[in-house]
PDB file of all heavy atoms in Angstrom:
ATOM      1  N   CYS A   1     -10.420  26.672 -10.047  1.00  0.00           N
ATOM      2  CA  CYS A   1     -10.216  25.754  -8.931  1.00  0.00           C
ATOM      3  C   CYS A   1      -8.971  26.094  -8.115  1.00  0.00           C
ATOM      4  O   CYS A   1      -8.808  25.611  -6.996  1.00  0.00           O
ATOM      5  CB  CYS A   1     -10.130  24.308  -9.429  1.00  0.00           C
ATOM      6  SG  CYS A   1     -11.720  23.638  -9.980  1.00  0.00           S
ATOM      7  N   GLY A   2      -8.077  26.900  -8.685  1.00  0.00           N
ATOM      8  CA  GLY A   2      -6.891  27.312  -7.955  1.00  0.00           C
ATOM      9  C   GLY A   2      -5.768  26.296  -7.951  1.00  0.00           C
ATOM     10  O   GLY A   2      -4.884  26.351  -7.100  1.00  0.00           O
ATOM     11  N   TYR A   3      -5.771  25.385  -8.919  1.00  0.00           N
ATOM     12  CA  TYR A   3      -4.770  24.324  -8.950  1.00  0.00           C
ATOM     13  C   TYR A   3      -3.396  24.795  -9.426  1.00  0.00           C
ATOM     14  O   TYR A   3      -2.399  24.104  -9.215  1.00  0.00           O
ATOM     15  CB  TYR A   3      -5.234  23.196  -9.870  1.00  0.00           C
ATOM     16  CG  TYR A   3      -6.349  22.347  -9.331  1.00  0.00           C
ATOM     17  CD1 TYR A   3      -7.381  21.917 -10.159  1.00  0.00           C
ATOM     18  CD2 TYR A   3      -6.369  21.942  -8.003  1.00  0.00           C
ATOM     19  CE1 TYR A   3      -8.398  21.105  -9.678  1.00  0.00           C
ATOM     20  CE2 TYR A   3      -7.386  21.148  -7.510  1.00  0.00           C
ATOM     21  CZ  TYR A   3      -8.401  20.736  -8.346  1.00  0.00           C
ATOM     22  OH  TYR A   3      -9.402  19.939  -7.863  1.00  0.00           O
ATOM     23  N   GLY A   4      -3.337  25.894 -10.136  1.00  0.00           N
ATOM     24  CA  GLY A   4      -2.063  26.319 -10.700  1.00  0.00           C
ATOM     25  C   GLY A   4      -1.613  25.376 -11.799  1.00  0.00           C
ATOM     26  O   GLY A   4      -2.419  24.900 -12.605  1.00  0.00           O
ATOM     27  N   VAL A   5      -0.320  25.065 -11.830  1.00  0.00           N
ATOM     28  CA  VAL A   5       0.238  24.214 -12.882  1.00  0.00           C
ATOM     29  C   VAL A   5      -0.389  22.824 -12.865  1.00  0.00           C
ATOM     30  O   VAL A   5      -0.564  22.194 -13.912  1.00  0.00           O
ATOM     31  CB  VAL A   5       1.774  24.123 -12.729  1.00  0.00           C
ATOM     32  CG1 VAL A   5       2.354  23.136 -13.745  1.00  0.00           C
ATOM     33  CG2 VAL A   5       2.401  25.493 -12.919  1.00  0.00           C
ATOM     34  N   TYR A   6      -0.760  22.335 -11.685  1.00  0.00           N
ATOM     35  CA  TYR A   6      -1.417  21.029 -11.585  1.00  0.00           C
ATOM     36  C   TYR A   6      -2.677  21.001 -12.453  1.00  0.00           C
ATOM     37  O   TYR A   6      -2.955  20.002 -13.126  1.00  0.00           O
ATOM     38  CB  TYR A   6      -1.761  20.750 -10.124  1.00  0.00           C
ATOM     39  CG  TYR A   6      -2.578  19.509  -9.868  1.00  0.00           C
ATOM     40  CD1 TYR A   6      -1.975  18.273  -9.693  1.00  0.00           C
ATOM     41  CD2 TYR A   6      -3.975  19.572  -9.763  1.00  0.00           C
ATOM     42  CE1 TYR A   6      -2.722  17.127  -9.437  1.00  0.00           C
ATOM     43  CE2 TYR A   6      -4.730  18.442  -9.506  1.00  0.00           C
ATOM     44  CZ  TYR A   6      -4.104  17.225  -9.346  1.00  0.00           C
ATOM     45  OH  TYR A   6      -4.856  16.103  -9.087  1.00  0.00           O
ATOM     46  N   GLY A   7      -3.438  22.081 -12.457  1.00  0.00           N
ATOM     47  CA  GLY A   7      -4.657  22.145 -13.249  1.00  0.00           C
ATOM     48  C   GLY A   7      -4.412  22.189 -14.742  1.00  0.00           C
ATOM     49  O   GLY A   7      -5.304  21.910 -15.536  1.00  0.00           O
ATOM     50  N   LYS A   8      -3.214  22.515 -15.131  1.00  0.00           N
ATOM     51  CA  LYS A   8      -2.847  22.540 -16.542  1.00  0.00           C
ATOM     52  C   LYS A   8      -2.463  21.158 -17.042  1.00  0.00           C
ATOM     53  O   LYS A   8      -2.808  20.765 -18.157  1.00  0.00           O
ATOM     54  CB  LYS A   8      -1.678  23.501 -16.741  1.00  0.00           C
ATOM     55  CG  LYS A   8      -1.084  23.555 -18.134  1.00  0.00           C
ATOM     56  CD  LYS A   8       0.101  24.501 -18.170  1.00  0.00           C
ATOM     57  CE  LYS A   8       0.706  24.614 -19.549  1.00  0.00           C
ATOM     58  NZ  LYS A   8       1.253  23.332 -20.047  1.00  0.00           N
ATOM     59  N   ASP A   9      -1.752  20.417 -16.192  1.00  0.00           N
ATOM     60  CA  ASP A   9      -1.137  19.170 -16.643  1.00  0.00           C
ATOM     61  C   ASP A   9      -1.856  17.894 -16.207  1.00  0.00           C
ATOM     62  O   ASP A   9      -1.604  16.827 -16.771  1.00  0.00           O
ATOM     63  CB  ASP A   9       0.305  19.092 -16.125  1.00  0.00           C
ATOM     64  CG  ASP A   9       1.167  20.229 -16.659  1.00  0.00           C
ATOM     65  OD1 ASP A   9       0.857  20.736 -17.750  1.00  0.00           O
ATOM     66  OD2 ASP A   9       2.136  20.597 -15.979  1.00  0.00           O
ATOM     67  N   VAL A  10      -2.714  17.976 -15.195  1.00  0.00           N
ATOM     68  CA  VAL A  10      -3.348  16.773 -14.673  1.00  0.00           C
ATOM     69  C   VAL A  10      -4.092  16.032 -15.792  1.00  0.00           C
ATOM     70  O   VAL A  10      -4.618  16.657 -16.726  1.00  0.00           O
ATOM     71  CB  VAL A  10      -4.303  17.120 -13.504  1.00  0.00           C
ATOM     72  CG1 VAL A  10      -5.493  17.949 -13.977  1.00  0.00           C
ATOM     73  CG2 VAL A  10      -4.792  15.864 -12.794  1.00  0.00           C
ATOM     74  N   ASN A  11      -4.106  14.715 -15.707  1.00  0.00           N
ATOM     75  CA  ASN A  11      -4.780  13.884 -16.706  1.00  0.00           C
ATOM     76  C   ASN A  11      -4.231  14.144 -18.111  1.00  0.00           C
ATOM     77  O   ASN A  11      -4.971  14.097 -19.095  1.00  0.00           O
ATOM     78  CB  ASN A  11      -6.304  14.130 -16.671  1.00  0.00           C
ATOM     79  CG  ASN A  11      -7.109  13.053 -17.355  1.00  0.00           C
ATOM     80  OD1 ASN A  11      -6.786  11.874 -17.281  1.00  0.00           O
ATOM     81  ND2 ASN A  11      -8.175  13.451 -18.031  1.00  0.00           N
ATOM     82  N   ASN A  12      -2.925  14.434 -18.178  1.00  0.00           N
ATOM     83  CA  ASN A  12      -2.259  14.706 -19.458  1.00  0.00           C
ATOM     84  C   ASN A  12      -2.899  15.863 -20.223  1.00  0.00           C
ATOM     85  O   ASN A  12      -2.887  15.877 -21.465  1.00  0.00           O
ATOM     86  CB  ASN A  12      -2.251  13.449 -20.335  1.00  0.00           C
ATOM     87  CG  ASN A  12      -1.443  12.325 -19.730  1.00  0.00           C
ATOM     88  OD1 ASN A  12      -0.332  12.546 -19.236  1.00  0.00           O
ATOM     89  ND2 ASN A  12      -1.976  11.114 -19.738  1.00  0.00           N
ATOM     90  N   GLY A  13      -3.449  16.813 -19.472  1.00  0.00           N
ATOM     91  CA  GLY A  13      -4.033  17.995 -20.109  1.00  0.00           C
ATOM     92  C   GLY A  13      -5.454  17.815 -20.588  1.00  0.00           C
ATOM     93  O   GLY A  13      -6.036  18.748 -21.169  1.00  0.00           O
ATOM     94  N   ASP A  14      -6.051  16.647 -20.370  1.00  0.00           N
ATOM     95  CA  ASP A  14      -7.454  16.428 -20.730  1.00  0.00           C
ATOM     96  C   ASP A  14      -8.318  16.946 -19.578  1.00  0.00           C
ATOM     97  O   ASP A  14      -8.751  16.188 -18.698  1.00  0.00           O
ATOM     98  CB  ASP A  14      -7.727  14.942 -20.985  1.00  0.00           C
ATOM     99  CG  ASP A  14      -7.077  14.448 -22.263  1.00  0.00           C
ATOM    100  OD1 ASP A  14      -6.697  15.290 -23.105  1.00  0.00           O
ATOM    101  OD2 ASP A  14      -6.938  13.226 -22.423  1.00  0.00           O
ATOM    102  N   VAL A  15      -8.524  18.256 -19.567  1.00  0.00           N
ATOM    103  CA  VAL A  15      -9.262  18.914 -18.493  1.00  0.00           C
ATOM    104  C   VAL A  15     -10.381  19.748 -19.102  1.00  0.00           C
ATOM    105  O   VAL A  15     -10.487  19.883 -20.325  1.00  0.00           O
ATOM    106  CB  VAL A  15      -8.336  19.791 -17.625  1.00  0.00           C
ATOM    107  CG1 VAL A  15      -7.249  18.936 -16.988  1.00  0.00           C
ATOM    108  CG2 VAL A  15      -7.709  20.923 -18.437  1.00  0.00           C
ATOM    109  N   CYS A  16     -11.205  20.316 -18.236  1.00  0.00           N
ATOM    110  CA  CYS A  16     -12.348  21.063 -18.754  1.00  0.00           C
ATOM    111  C   CYS A  16     -12.775  22.172 -17.804  1.00  0.00           C
ATOM    112  O   CYS A  16     -12.488  22.151 -16.606  1.00  0.00           O
ATOM    113  CB  CYS A  16     -13.525  20.130 -19.022  1.00  0.00           C
ATOM    114  SG  CYS A  16     -14.311  19.504 -17.517  1.00  0.00           S
ATOM    115  N   THR A  17     -13.452  23.118 -18.388  1.00  0.00           N
ATOM    116  CA  THR A  17     -14.222  24.126 -17.671  1.00  0.00           C
ATOM    117  C   THR A  17     -15.661  23.631 -17.641  1.00  0.00           C
ATOM    118  O   THR A  17     -16.136  23.039 -18.605  1.00  0.00           O
ATOM    119  CB  THR A  17     -14.131  25.474 -18.420  1.00  0.00           C
ATOM    120  OG1 THR A  17     -12.824  26.002 -18.268  1.00  0.00           O
ATOM    121  CG2 THR A  17     -15.128  26.454 -17.894  1.00  0.00           C
ATOM    122  N   ALA A  18     -16.363  23.867 -16.540  1.00  0.00           N
ATOM    123  CA  ALA A  18     -17.743  23.385 -16.424  1.00  0.00           C
ATOM    124  C   ALA A  18     -18.682  24.529 -16.056  1.00  0.00           C
ATOM    125  O   ALA A  18     -18.265  25.545 -15.484  1.00  0.00           O
ATOM    126  CB  ALA A  18     -17.833  22.276 -15.378  1.00  0.00           C
ATOM    127  N   SER A  19     -19.945  24.342 -16.364  1.00  0.00           N
ATOM    128  CA  SER A  19     -20.961  25.338 -16.033  1.00  0.00           C
ATOM    129  C   SER A  19     -21.100  25.465 -14.525  1.00  0.00           C
ATOM    130  O   SER A  19     -20.675  24.598 -13.761  1.00  0.00           O
ATOM    131  CB  SER A  19     -22.302  24.927 -16.643  1.00  0.00           C
ATOM    132  OG  SER A  19     -22.764  23.713 -16.049  1.00  0.00           O
ATOM    133  N   ARG A  20     -21.716  26.554 -14.086  1.00  0.00           N
ATOM    134  CA  ARG A  20     -21.900  26.779 -12.646  1.00  0.00           C
ATOM    135  C   ARG A  20     -22.667  25.636 -11.992  1.00  0.00           C
ATOM    136  O   ARG A  20     -22.419  25.264 -10.862  1.00  0.00           O
ATOM    137  CB  ARG A  20     -22.628  28.098 -12.407  1.00  0.00           C
ATOM    138  CG  ARG A  20     -21.760  29.329 -12.620  1.00  0.00           C
ATOM    139  CD  ARG A  20     -22.522  30.604 -12.314  1.00  0.00           C
ATOM    140  NE  ARG A  20     -23.652  30.782 -13.210  1.00  0.00           N
ATOM    141  CZ  ARG A  20     -24.549  31.758 -13.078  1.00  0.00           C
ATOM    142  NH1 ARG A  20     -24.457  32.611 -12.074  1.00  0.00           N
ATOM    143  NH2 ARG A  20     -25.539  31.876 -13.943  1.00  0.00           N
ATOM    144  N   ARG A  21     -23.604  25.071 -12.726  1.00  0.00           N
ATOM    145  CA  ARG A  21     -24.404  23.970 -12.176  1.00  0.00           C
ATOM    146  C   ARG A  21     -23.531  22.767 -11.835  1.00  0.00           C
ATOM    147  O   ARG A  21     -23.702  22.130 -10.783  1.00  0.00           O
ATOM    148  CB  ARG A  21     -25.480  23.568 -13.193  1.00  0.00           C
ATOM    149  CG  ARG A  21     -26.380  22.421 -12.755  1.00  0.00           C
ATOM    150  CD  ARG A  21     -27.432  22.155 -13.811  1.00  0.00           C
ATOM    151  NE  ARG A  21     -26.855  21.757 -15.064  1.00  0.00           N
ATOM    152  CZ  ARG A  21     -26.504  20.505 -15.365  1.00  0.00           C
ATOM    153  NH1 ARG A  21     -26.658  19.541 -14.459  1.00  0.00           N
ATOM    154  NH2 ARG A  21     -26.005  20.200 -16.541  1.00  0.00           N
ATOM    155  N   LEU A  22     -22.574  22.456 -12.673  1.00  0.00           N
ATOM    156  CA  LEU A  22     -21.687  21.316 -12.436  1.00  0.00           C
ATOM    157  C   LEU A  22     -20.518  21.677 -11.513  1.00  0.00           C
ATOM    158  O   LEU A  22     -20.014  20.821 -10.791  1.00  0.00           O
ATOM    159  CB  LEU A  22     -21.148  20.787 -13.767  1.00  0.00           C
ATOM    160  CG  LEU A  22     -22.179  20.165 -14.711  1.00  0.00           C
ATOM    161  CD1 LEU A  22     -21.537  19.813 -16.042  1.00  0.00           C
ATOM    162  CD2 LEU A  22     -22.811  18.936 -14.090  1.00  0.00           C
ATOM    163  N   TYR A  23     -20.125  22.930 -11.533  1.00  0.00           N
ATOM    164  CA  TYR A  23     -18.996  23.391 -10.731  1.00  0.00           C
ATOM    165  C   TYR A  23     -19.301  23.352  -9.224  1.00  0.00           C
ATOM    166  O   TYR A  23     -18.415  23.129  -8.400  1.00  0.00           O
ATOM    167  CB  TYR A  23     -18.629  24.811 -11.167  1.00  0.00           C
ATOM    168  CG  TYR A  23     -17.450  25.425 -10.485  1.00  0.00           C
ATOM    169  CD1 TYR A  23     -16.168  24.939 -10.666  1.00  0.00           C
ATOM    170  CD2 TYR A  23     -17.616  26.538  -9.652  1.00  0.00           C
ATOM    171  CE1 TYR A  23     -15.074  25.532 -10.047  1.00  0.00           C
ATOM    172  CE2 TYR A  23     -16.531  27.138  -9.032  1.00  0.00           C
ATOM    173  CZ  TYR A  23     -15.268  26.636  -9.230  1.00  0.00           C
ATOM    174  OH  TYR A  23     -14.188  27.220  -8.613  1.00  0.00           O
ATOM    175  N   LYS A  24     -20.545  23.566  -8.864  1.00  0.00           N
ATOM    176  CA  LYS A  24     -21.016  23.461  -7.475  1.00  0.00           C
ATOM    177  C   LYS A  24     -20.224  24.353  -6.518  1.00  0.00           C
ATOM    178  O   LYS A  24     -19.840  23.945  -5.427  1.00  0.00           O
ATOM    179  CB  LYS A  24     -20.938  22.005  -6.985  1.00  0.00           C
ATOM    180  CG  LYS A  24     -21.730  21.007  -7.797  1.00  0.00           C
ATOM    181  CD  LYS A  24     -21.533  19.601  -7.247  1.00  0.00           C
ATOM    182  CE  LYS A  24     -22.187  18.561  -8.107  1.00  0.00           C
ATOM    183  NZ  LYS A  24     -21.935  17.172  -7.613  1.00  0.00           N
TER     184      LYS A  24
END
């Protein structure tokens, strides 16, 4: 997604990778 550090820490680190179908 290109978020950088934001993508690491957002939602207290409760993040995910998704399949191409969900990634859109």
